Amino acid sequence: MRVFLNGGGDGANAQEAYQRFGAAAGKAKPLLYVPLAMEQETYPSCFSWITGELESLGVKIEMVHSGEELAGLDLSHFGGIFIGGGNTYKLLHELKESGALLKLTEYLKAGGSVFGGSAGAIILGADIDTCRYADENLAGLSDTAGIDVLSGISLLCHYGNEDEEITQRHTTHLLGLSQSGRRILALPEEDTVVLNGEKAEVIGTRPYYLFQEGRQIECLPGPLPKI
């Protein structure tokens, strides 16, 4: 299992993470792009965006248009899967309702490579309730458990890249969640958690934050602390 959990950055902020993802996925098979966190009418522009972002990888990119389509694919056909950002609740709802979440989980267990950006990263954590003040739950999703690739750690993205009032709202929420035993990583757009089997590290240029036992701990990119 090779997973890239990006804090929501693109362009220059994500180039190192893209290159590592490309090396893990290889060029023998196409990449699959999953834009389901966005509204369907934006999918053509989403595809233009992803082809530009990953142009340097020199690999063919295919895109799905629904959870049902994703659930029906043989994912072993793809060298890697890129799950893009948008509304986290919409994304997880569609993946669960269609059965595609189970397909993604099986793909990861079989050693697949997955890149999650923003919402795509958050659903790979333990629970998406971390983004309560980032996204509106228009889907009415009640089961907010994610795939949990980090053994009980949840994620929040774009942390510290928004204005001070929004950052403080997120901080208060994450501190409250952590008081009940939850462990949360809050990533800025410049950072990516890279998970290769049992080895995990954070690459990027800014501090990220661990929320645990009612505390907020500043951490620097490097090996992910044992938490």
Protein backbone atom coordinates (compact mmCIF):
# COMPACT_ATOMS: atom_id res chain seq x y z
CA MET A 1 0.00 0.00 0.00
CA ARG A 2 1.42 3.34 -1.13
CA VAL A 3 -0.67 6.35 -0.13
CA PHE A 4 -0.16 10.08 -0.59
CA LEU A 5 -2.27 12.33 1.63
CA ASN A 6 -1.95 15.86 0.31
CA GLY A 7 -3.07 18.89 2.32
CA GLY A 8 -4.89 20.44 -0.62
CA GLY A 9 -2.10 22.10 -2.55
CA ASP A 10 -1.49 22.07 -6.27
CA GLY A 11 1.07 23.34 -8.75
CA ALA A 12 4.49 23.93 -7.21
CA ASN A 13 3.21 23.03 -3.71
CA ALA A 14 2.52 19.45 -4.79
CA GLN A 15 5.25 18.71 -7.34
CA GLU A 16 7.41 16.53 -5.10
CA ALA A 17 4.37 14.55 -4.02
CA TYR A 18 3.26 14.15 -7.65
CA GLN A 19 6.69 12.86 -8.64
CA ARG A 20 6.71 10.31 -5.83
CA PHE A 21 3.20 9.20 -6.75
CA GLY A 22 4.26 8.84 -10.37
CA ALA A 23 7.26 6.73 -9.38
CA ALA A 24 5.04 4.47 -7.27
CA ALA A 25 2.38 4.10 -9.96
CA GLY A 26 4.77 3.61 -12.87
CA LYS A 27 4.02 4.19 -16.55
CA ALA A 28 2.94 0.72 -17.63
CA LYS A 29 -0.71 1.35 -16.74
CA PRO A 30 -2.93 4.47 -16.87
CA LEU A 31 -3.85 6.53 -13.82
CA LEU A 32 -7.49 6.81 -12.76
CA TYR A 33 -8.81 10.22 -11.71
CA VAL A 34 -11.78 10.37 -9.32
CA PRO A 35 -13.41 13.86 -9.27
CA LEU A 36 -16.54 12.80 -7.34
CA ALA A 37 -16.11 15.40 -4.58
CA MET A 38 -16.97 18.04 -7.21
CA GLU A 39 -20.27 18.72 -8.98
CA GLN A 40 -20.72 16.70 -12.16
CA GLU A 41 -20.98 19.72 -14.44
CA THR A 42 -17.41 20.66 -13.49
CA TYR A 43 -15.89 17.30 -14.46
CA PRO A 44 -14.60 18.45 -17.88
CA SER A 45 -12.70 21.35 -16.27
CA CYS A 46 -11.54 18.99 -13.50
CA PHE A 47 -10.07 16.69 -16.13
CA SER A 48 -8.28 19.62 -17.78
CA TRP A 49 -6.88 20.53 -14.37
CA ILE A 50 -5.58 17.04 -13.53
CA THR A 51 -3.97 16.54 -16.94
CA GLY A 52 -2.11 19.80 -16.44
CA GLU A 53 -1.10 18.95 -12.88
CA LEU A 54 0.26 15.50 -13.79
CA GLU A 55 1.59 16.31 -17.25
CA SER A 56 5.19 15.80 -16.13
CA LEU A 57 4.47 12.17 -15.22
CA GLY A 58 4.01 11.28 -18.89
CA VAL A 59 1.22 8.79 -18.26
CA LYS A 60 -2.30 8.36 -19.65
CA ILE A 61 -5.11 9.51 -17.36
CA GLU A 62 -8.66 8.17 -17.36
CA MET A 63 -11.60 9.58 -15.38
CA VAL A 64 -14.74 8.14 -13.81
CA HIS A 65 -18.02 10.08 -13.68
CA SER A 66 -19.87 8.30 -10.87
CA GLY A 67 -19.44 6.02 -7.90
CA GLU A 68 -21.29 3.29 -9.74
CA GLU A 69 -18.84 3.49 -12.64
CA LEU A 70 -15.92 3.30 -10.22
CA ALA A 71 -17.43 0.30 -8.41
CA GLY A 72 -17.74 -1.55 -11.70
CA LEU A 73 -14.13 -1.14 -12.79
CA ASP A 74 -11.31 -3.63 -12.45
CA LEU A 75 -8.95 -1.37 -10.51
CA SER A 76 -5.97 -3.63 -11.16
CA HIS A 77 -6.02 -2.10 -14.65
CA PHE A 78 -4.63 1.14 -13.15
CA GLY A 79 -1.16 1.92 -11.88
CA GLY A 80 -2.52 4.49 -9.48
CA ILE A 81 -5.70 6.30 -8.45
CA PHE A 82 -5.93 10.06 -7.84
CA ILE A 83 -8.88 11.17 -5.67
CA GLY A 84 -9.44 14.90 -6.00
CA GLY A 85 -10.82 17.56 -3.69
CA GLY A 86 -14.19 19.23 -3.27
CA ASN A 87 -16.94 18.44 -0.78
CA THR A 88 -15.77 15.61 1.48
CA TYR A 89 -19.28 14.56 2.53
CA LYS A 90 -20.44 14.30 -1.10
CA LEU A 91 -17.41 12.21 -1.99
CA LEU A 92 -17.71 9.75 0.88
CA HIS A 93 -21.49 9.45 0.47
CA GLU A 94 -21.20 8.54 -3.22
CA LEU A 95 -18.38 6.08 -2.59
CA LYS A 96 -20.30 4.32 0.17
CA GLU A 97 -23.67 4.26 -1.59
CA SER A 98 -22.15 2.75 -4.74
CA GLY A 99 -19.88 0.21 -3.06
CA ALA A 100 -16.84 1.92 -4.56
CA LEU A 101 -15.33 2.56 -1.11
CA LEU A 102 -14.92 -1.17 -0.63
CA LYS A 103 -13.30 -1.48 -4.06
CA LEU A 104 -10.81 1.25 -3.16
CA THR A 105 -10.06 -0.43 0.16
CA GLU A 106 -9.40 -3.74 -1.58
CA TYR A 107 -7.18 -2.00 -4.14
CA LEU A 108 -5.08 -0.53 -1.33
CA LYS A 109 -4.83 -3.85 0.50
CA ALA A 110 -3.57 -5.42 -2.73
CA GLY A 111 -0.69 -2.93 -2.79
CA GLY A 112 -2.20 -0.20 -4.97
CA SER A 113 -1.05 3.42 -5.07
CA VAL A 114 -3.54 6.16 -4.18
CA PHE A 115 -3.10 9.93 -4.10
CA GLY A 116 -5.71 11.88 -2.15
CA GLY A 117 -5.88 15.65 -2.34
CA SER A 118 -7.92 17.60 0.24
CA ALA A 119 -11.29 15.75 0.38
CA GLY A 120 -9.58 12.81 -1.30
CA ALA A 121 -7.07 12.70 1.55
CA ILE A 122 -9.62 13.20 4.33
CA ILE A 123 -11.70 10.15 3.31
CA LEU A 124 -8.55 8.02 3.61
CA GLY A 125 -8.33 8.90 7.31
CA ALA A 126 -10.27 7.36 10.18
CA ASP A 127 -13.24 9.76 10.13
CA ILE A 128 -14.20 12.81 8.09
CA ASP A 129 -15.97 14.63 10.94
CA THR A 130 -12.79 16.70 11.19
CA CYS A 131 -14.05 18.80 8.25
CA ARG A 132 -17.35 19.80 9.87
CA TYR A 133 -16.50 23.48 9.54
CA ALA A 134 -14.85 23.16 6.13
CA ASP A 135 -17.61 21.40 4.14
CA GLU A 136 -21.39 21.38 4.33
CA ASN A 137 -23.00 17.97 4.78
CA LEU A 138 -25.59 18.41 2.02
CA ALA A 139 -25.62 14.65 1.43
CA GLY A 140 -26.98 14.06 4.95
CA LEU A 141 -24.20 11.56 5.60
CA SER A 142 -24.39 10.00 9.07
CA ASP A 143 -21.70 7.31 8.81
CA THR A 144 -18.58 9.45 8.50
CA ALA A 145 -15.98 6.69 8.95
CA GLY A 146 -13.25 6.71 6.31
CA ILE A 147 -10.89 4.07 4.93
CA ASP A 148 -8.45 4.59 7.84
CA VAL A 149 -5.04 4.03 6.22
CA LEU A 150 -3.24 5.56 9.24
CA SER A 151 -4.60 3.20 11.91
CA GLY A 152 -7.02 5.50 13.71
CA ILE A 153 -5.68 8.91 12.65
CA SER A 154 -8.05 11.38 11.00
CA LEU A 155 -7.07 14.30 8.76
CA LEU A 156 -7.93 17.91 8.05
CA CYS A 157 -6.52 19.74 5.04
CA HIS A 158 -5.87 23.40 4.13
CA TYR A 159 -5.03 24.00 7.80
CA GLY A 160 -3.49 27.43 8.29
CA ASN A 161 -3.98 28.46 4.64
CA GLU A 162 -7.30 30.15 5.34
CA ASP A 163 -7.99 33.28 7.38
CA GLU A 164 -7.35 33.41 11.10
CA GLU A 165 -11.01 33.14 12.10
CA ILE A 166 -11.56 29.95 10.08
CA THR A 167 -8.31 28.43 11.34
CA GLN A 168 -9.34 29.12 14.92
CA ARG A 169 -12.74 27.50 14.34
CA HIS A 170 -11.00 24.38 13.03
CA THR A 171 -8.56 24.42 15.95
CA THR A 172 -11.33 24.55 18.55
CA HIS A 173 -13.18 21.71 16.81
CA LEU A 174 -10.10 19.49 16.53
CA LEU A 175 -9.10 20.10 20.14
CA GLY A 176 -12.58 19.01 21.21
CA LEU A 177 -12.42 15.83 19.13
CA SER A 178 -8.98 14.99 20.50
CA GLN A 179 -10.19 15.19 24.09
CA SER A 180 -12.19 12.01 23.52
CA GLY A 181 -9.13 10.00 22.48
CA ARG A 182 -9.08 10.94 18.80
CA ARG A 183 -5.80 11.53 16.92
CA ILE A 184 -5.81 14.06 14.10
CA LEU A 185 -3.28 15.44 11.64
CA ALA A 186 -3.98 18.96 10.35
CA LEU A 187 -2.06 19.53 7.12
CA PRO A 188 -1.33 22.77 5.29
CA GLU A 189 -1.58 22.81 1.50
CA GLU A 190 2.20 22.58 1.20
CA ASP A 191 2.54 19.21 2.98
CA THR A 192 1.83 15.57 2.07
CA VAL A 193 1.86 12.44 4.21
CA VAL A 194 3.61 9.65 2.29
CA LEU A 195 2.75 6.13 3.46
CA ASN A 196 4.74 3.21 2.04
CA GLY A 197 3.72 0.05 3.81
CA GLU A 198 4.47 0.63 7.49
CA LYS A 199 6.76 3.60 6.83
CA ALA A 200 5.22 7.09 6.99
CA GLU A 201 6.74 10.51 6.52
CA VAL A 202 5.59 14.05 5.85
CA ILE A 203 7.13 15.96 2.96
CA GLY A 204 6.65 19.67 2.40
CA THR A 205 7.75 23.11 3.49
CA ARG A 206 5.52 24.13 6.42
CA PRO A 207 4.79 22.82 9.91
CA TYR A 208 1.76 20.57 10.32
CA TYR A 209 -0.13 19.91 13.56
CA LEU A 210 -1.01 16.87 15.65
CA PHE A 211 -4.11 17.05 17.83
CA GLN A 212 -4.05 14.51 20.65
CA GLU A 213 -5.45 14.38 24.21
CA GLY A 214 -6.70 17.95 24.03
CA ARG A 215 -3.35 19.31 22.86
CA GLN A 216 -2.15 20.89 19.64
CA ILE A 217 1.44 19.95 18.79
CA GLU A 218 3.46 21.60 16.03
CA CYS A 219 5.49 19.16 13.92
CA LEU A 220 8.01 19.66 11.13
CA PRO A 221 8.14 17.64 7.89
CA GLY A 222 10.08 14.40 8.28
CA PRO A 223 9.28 10.94 9.67
CA LEU A 224 5.74 10.81 11.03
CA PRO A 225 5.86 10.64 14.85
CA LYS A 226 4.61 7.49 16.53
CA ILE A 227 1.21 8.54 17.83
